[in-house]
Amino acid sequence: MDKIKSKPSTVKDLNRIRGIIKSKFTNTRKFVDTCSTIDDQIKIDLSAQKKLNNFKVMKEELETLLNQYLDIAEDEKASEKSDEESLAL
């Protein structure tokens, strides 16, 4: 997901990315719910391993997304503090 690693400029972009990650979790949840209906154990094992790998990628994506949200929040706080200092002068 190269899109996530480059820093989006707005909260709207981050919310869109969050929605994409959330849909991946939903798809994985659907897979887990339907696993009991699959007869072939090999298919379950292979699919589960792929899903586990996807979770590892999603964890990295979520950590990156959290850091980007925190960067935006930090920038906004710094901007507000700067504005307050300017008004005080």
N, C-alpha and C. Protein backbone atom coordinates (compact mmCIF):
# COMPACT_ATOMS: atom_id res chain seq x y z
N MET A 1 0.83 -1.19 0.00
CA MET A 1 0.00 0.00 0.00
C MET A 1 0.88 1.25 0.00
N ASP A 2 1.39 1.62 -1.13
CA ASP A 2 2.24 2.79 -1.22
C ASP A 2 1.47 4.06 -0.93
N LYS A 3 0.16 4.05 -1.19
CA LYS A 3 -0.65 5.24 -0.94
C LYS A 3 -0.63 5.61 0.54
N ILE A 4 -0.61 4.61 1.39
CA ILE A 4 -0.65 4.87 2.83
C ILE A 4 0.70 5.37 3.33
N LYS A 5 1.78 4.89 2.74
CA LYS A 5 3.10 5.28 3.22
C LYS A 5 3.43 6.72 2.86
N SER A 6 2.90 7.23 1.75
CA SER A 6 3.09 8.65 1.46
C SER A 6 2.10 9.42 2.32
N LYS A 7 2.53 10.54 2.85
CA LYS A 7 1.72 11.25 3.85
C LYS A 7 0.56 12.00 3.20
N PRO A 8 -0.70 11.56 3.45
CA PRO A 8 -1.85 12.31 2.96
C PRO A 8 -1.92 13.66 3.65
N SER A 9 -2.48 14.62 2.98
CA SER A 9 -2.45 15.98 3.51
C SER A 9 -3.67 16.33 4.35
N THR A 10 -4.73 15.57 4.26
CA THR A 10 -5.94 15.97 4.97
C THR A 10 -6.53 14.81 5.78
N VAL A 11 -7.36 15.16 6.73
CA VAL A 11 -8.07 14.17 7.53
C VAL A 11 -9.02 13.38 6.63
N LYS A 12 -9.57 14.02 5.61
CA LYS A 12 -10.48 13.34 4.69
C LYS A 12 -9.76 12.18 4.01
N ASP A 13 -8.52 12.39 3.58
CA ASP A 13 -7.73 11.32 2.97
C ASP A 13 -7.50 10.18 3.96
N LEU A 14 -7.19 10.54 5.20
CA LEU A 14 -6.95 9.53 6.22
C LEU A 14 -8.22 8.74 6.53
N ASN A 15 -9.36 9.42 6.55
CA ASN A 15 -10.63 8.73 6.80
C ASN A 15 -10.96 7.76 5.67
N ARG A 16 -10.62 8.13 4.44
CA ARG A 16 -10.84 7.25 3.29
C ARG A 16 -9.98 5.99 3.44
N ILE A 17 -8.73 6.17 3.82
CA ILE A 17 -7.83 5.04 4.01
C ILE A 17 -8.33 4.15 5.15
N ARG A 18 -8.83 4.78 6.22
CA ARG A 18 -9.37 4.03 7.35
C ARG A 18 -10.55 3.17 6.89
N GLY A 19 -11.37 3.71 6.01
CA GLY A 19 -12.50 2.95 5.47
C GLY A 19 -12.06 1.74 4.66
N ILE A 20 -10.98 1.91 3.90
CA ILE A 20 -10.44 0.80 3.11
C ILE A 20 -9.95 -0.31 4.04
N ILE A 21 -9.23 0.07 5.09
CA ILE A 21 -8.72 -0.92 6.03
C ILE A 21 -9.88 -1.60 6.76
N LYS A 22 -10.90 -0.83 7.11
CA LYS A 22 -12.06 -1.40 7.79
C LYS A 22 -12.75 -2.43 6.90
N SER A 23 -12.84 -2.17 5.60
CA SER A 23 -13.47 -3.14 4.70
C SER A 23 -12.64 -4.42 4.61
N LYS A 24 -11.31 -4.31 4.72
CA LYS A 24 -10.47 -5.51 4.73
C LYS A 24 -10.78 -6.35 5.97
N PHE A 25 -10.94 -5.69 7.11
CA PHE A 25 -11.29 -6.41 8.33
C PHE A 25 -12.65 -7.09 8.19
N THR A 26 -13.60 -6.40 7.57
CA THR A 26 -14.93 -6.96 7.37
C THR A 26 -14.86 -8.20 6.49
N ASN A 27 -14.08 -8.13 5.41
CA ASN A 27 -13.93 -9.29 4.53
C ASN A 27 -13.30 -10.46 5.27
N THR A 28 -12.33 -10.17 6.11
CA THR A 28 -11.69 -11.23 6.89
C THR A 28 -12.68 -11.83 7.87
N ARG A 29 -13.48 -11.00 8.49
CA ARG A 29 -14.50 -11.48 9.44
C ARG A 29 -15.49 -12.40 8.72
N LYS A 30 -15.90 -12.03 7.51
CA LYS A 30 -16.81 -12.88 6.74
C LYS A 30 -16.16 -14.23 6.45
N PHE A 31 -14.87 -14.21 6.14
CA PHE A 31 -14.14 -15.45 5.89
C PHE A 31 -14.16 -16.34 7.13
N VAL A 32 -13.88 -15.76 8.28
CA VAL A 32 -13.86 -16.53 9.52
C VAL A 32 -15.24 -17.12 9.81
N ASP A 33 -16.27 -16.35 9.55
CA ASP A 33 -17.63 -16.83 9.80
C ASP A 33 -18.02 -17.99 8.88
N THR A 34 -17.45 -18.03 7.67
CA THR A 34 -17.81 -19.08 6.72
C THR A 34 -16.85 -20.26 6.74
N CYS A 35 -15.79 -20.19 7.53
CA CYS A 35 -14.81 -21.28 7.57
C CYS A 35 -15.43 -22.61 7.98
N SER A 36 -16.40 -22.58 8.83
CA SER A 36 -17.00 -23.83 9.30
C SER A 36 -17.73 -24.57 8.18
N THR A 37 -18.06 -23.88 7.10
CA THR A 37 -18.77 -24.53 6.00
C THR A 37 -17.83 -25.11 4.95
N ILE A 38 -16.54 -24.82 5.04
CA ILE A 38 -15.57 -25.34 4.07
C ILE A 38 -15.15 -26.73 4.51
N ASP A 39 -15.27 -27.73 3.62
CA ASP A 39 -14.95 -29.11 3.96
C ASP A 39 -13.47 -29.41 3.84
N ASP A 40 -12.81 -28.80 2.91
CA ASP A 40 -11.42 -29.14 2.63
C ASP A 40 -10.49 -28.41 3.60
N GLN A 41 -9.86 -29.14 4.52
CA GLN A 41 -8.99 -28.54 5.54
C GLN A 41 -7.81 -27.80 4.92
N ILE A 42 -7.29 -28.29 3.82
CA ILE A 42 -6.15 -27.64 3.16
C ILE A 42 -6.53 -26.24 2.71
N LYS A 43 -7.72 -26.09 2.14
CA LYS A 43 -8.18 -24.77 1.72
C LYS A 43 -8.26 -23.82 2.91
N ILE A 44 -8.75 -24.32 4.02
CA ILE A 44 -8.86 -23.49 5.23
C ILE A 44 -7.48 -23.05 5.68
N ASP A 45 -6.54 -23.98 5.72
CA ASP A 45 -5.19 -23.65 6.17
C ASP A 45 -4.53 -22.62 5.27
N LEU A 46 -4.63 -22.82 3.96
CA LEU A 46 -4.02 -21.88 3.02
C LEU A 46 -4.68 -20.51 3.10
N SER A 47 -6.00 -20.50 3.15
CA SER A 47 -6.72 -19.23 3.24
C SER A 47 -6.43 -18.52 4.55
N ALA A 48 -6.36 -19.29 5.63
CA ALA A 48 -6.08 -18.68 6.93
C ALA A 48 -4.69 -18.06 6.95
N GLN A 49 -3.72 -18.71 6.33
CA GLN A 49 -2.37 -18.16 6.28
C GLN A 49 -2.35 -16.86 5.48
N LYS A 50 -3.08 -16.82 4.38
CA LYS A 50 -3.16 -15.59 3.59
C LYS A 50 -3.81 -14.48 4.41
N LYS A 51 -4.86 -14.82 5.15
CA LYS A 51 -5.54 -13.82 5.97
C LYS A 51 -4.62 -13.32 7.08
N LEU A 52 -3.84 -14.22 7.67
CA LEU A 52 -2.90 -13.83 8.71
C LEU A 52 -1.87 -12.85 8.15
N ASN A 53 -1.38 -13.13 6.96
CA ASN A 53 -0.44 -12.21 6.31
C ASN A 53 -1.10 -10.87 6.05
N ASN A 54 -2.38 -10.90 5.66
CA ASN A 54 -3.11 -9.65 5.44
C ASN A 54 -3.24 -8.86 6.73
N PHE A 55 -3.45 -9.56 7.86
CA PHE A 55 -3.55 -8.87 9.14
C PHE A 55 -2.24 -8.18 9.50
N LYS A 56 -1.13 -8.82 9.18
CA LYS A 56 0.17 -8.20 9.46
C LYS A 56 0.32 -6.91 8.66
N VAL A 57 -0.09 -6.95 7.40
CA VAL A 57 -0.02 -5.75 6.56
C VAL A 57 -0.97 -4.68 7.08
N MET A 58 -2.19 -5.09 7.46
CA MET A 58 -3.16 -4.12 7.97
C MET A 58 -2.68 -3.50 9.27
N LYS A 59 -2.00 -4.26 10.11
CA LYS A 59 -1.46 -3.71 11.35
C LYS A 59 -0.47 -2.59 11.04
N GLU A 60 0.41 -2.83 10.07
CA GLU A 60 1.37 -1.80 9.67
C GLU A 60 0.66 -0.58 9.10
N GLU A 61 -0.37 -0.83 8.29
CA GLU A 61 -1.13 0.28 7.71
C GLU A 61 -1.80 1.11 8.80
N LEU A 62 -2.39 0.43 9.79
CA LEU A 62 -3.06 1.15 10.88
C LEU A 62 -2.07 1.94 11.73
N GLU A 63 -0.89 1.38 11.96
CA GLU A 63 0.13 2.12 12.72
C GLU A 63 0.55 3.37 11.96
N THR A 64 0.74 3.23 10.66
CA THR A 64 1.09 4.39 9.84
C THR A 64 -0.02 5.42 9.85
N LEU A 65 -1.26 4.95 9.73
CA LEU A 65 -2.42 5.84 9.73
C LEU A 65 -2.53 6.58 11.06
N LEU A 66 -2.33 5.88 12.17
CA LEU A 66 -2.38 6.51 13.48
C LEU A 66 -1.32 7.60 13.59
N ASN A 67 -0.11 7.30 13.14
CA ASN A 67 0.96 8.30 13.19
C ASN A 67 0.61 9.52 12.35
N GLN A 68 -0.04 9.31 11.21
CA GLN A 68 -0.43 10.43 10.37
C GLN A 68 -1.50 11.28 11.04
N TYR A 69 -2.48 10.63 11.68
CA TYR A 69 -3.49 11.37 12.44
C TYR A 69 -2.83 12.18 13.55
N LEU A 70 -1.89 11.56 14.26
CA LEU A 70 -1.20 12.26 15.35
C LEU A 70 -0.39 13.44 14.83
N ASP A 71 0.24 13.28 13.66
CA ASP A 71 0.99 14.38 13.06
C ASP A 71 0.08 15.56 12.74
N ILE A 72 -1.09 15.26 12.19
CA ILE A 72 -2.04 16.33 11.86
C ILE A 72 -2.51 17.02 13.14
N ALA A 73 -2.82 16.24 14.17
CA ALA A 73 -3.26 16.82 15.44
C ALA A 73 -2.16 17.68 16.04
N GLU A 74 -0.92 17.21 15.97
CA GLU A 74 0.21 17.98 16.51
C GLU A 74 0.40 19.28 15.73
N ASP A 75 0.27 19.21 14.40
CA ASP A 75 0.40 20.41 13.58
C ASP A 75 -0.69 21.42 13.92
N GLU A 76 -1.92 20.92 14.14
CA GLU A 76 -3.03 21.82 14.48
C GLU A 76 -2.80 22.48 15.83
N LYS A 77 -2.29 21.73 16.81
CA LYS A 77 -2.01 22.31 18.13
C LYS A 77 -0.91 23.36 18.04
N ALA A 78 0.12 23.07 17.26
CA ALA A 78 1.21 24.03 17.10
C ALA A 78 0.71 25.29 16.42
N SER A 79 -0.17 25.13 15.44
CA SER A 79 -0.74 26.27 14.73
C SER A 79 -1.59 27.12 15.67
N GLU A 80 -2.41 26.45 16.50
CA GLU A 80 -3.25 27.19 17.46
C GLU A 80 -2.39 27.94 18.47
N LYS A 81 -1.34 27.30 18.94
CA LYS A 81 -0.45 27.94 19.91
C LYS A 81 0.23 29.15 19.28
N SER A 82 0.64 29.01 18.04
CA SER A 82 1.27 30.11 17.32
C SER A 82 0.29 31.27 17.14
N ASP A 83 -0.96 30.93 16.82
CA ASP A 83 -1.99 31.96 16.66
C ASP A 83 -2.24 32.69 17.98
N GLU A 84 -2.28 31.94 19.08
CA GLU A 84 -2.50 32.55 20.39
C GLU A 84 -1.34 33.47 20.77
N GLU A 85 -0.13 33.06 20.47
CA GLU A 85 1.04 33.89 20.77
C GLU A 85 1.02 35.16 19.93
N SER A 86 0.60 35.04 18.68
CA SER A 86 0.52 36.21 17.81
C SER A 86 -0.52 37.20 18.32
N LEU A 87 -1.65 36.67 18.78
CA LEU A 87 -2.71 37.54 19.30
C LEU A 87 -2.28 38.20 20.61
N ALA A 88 -1.47 37.52 21.39
CA ALA A 88 -1.01 38.07 22.66
C ALA A 88 -0.08 39.26 22.44
N LEU A 89 0.63 39.26 21.34
CA LEU A 89 1.54 40.37 21.04
C LEU A 89 0.74 41.55 20.59
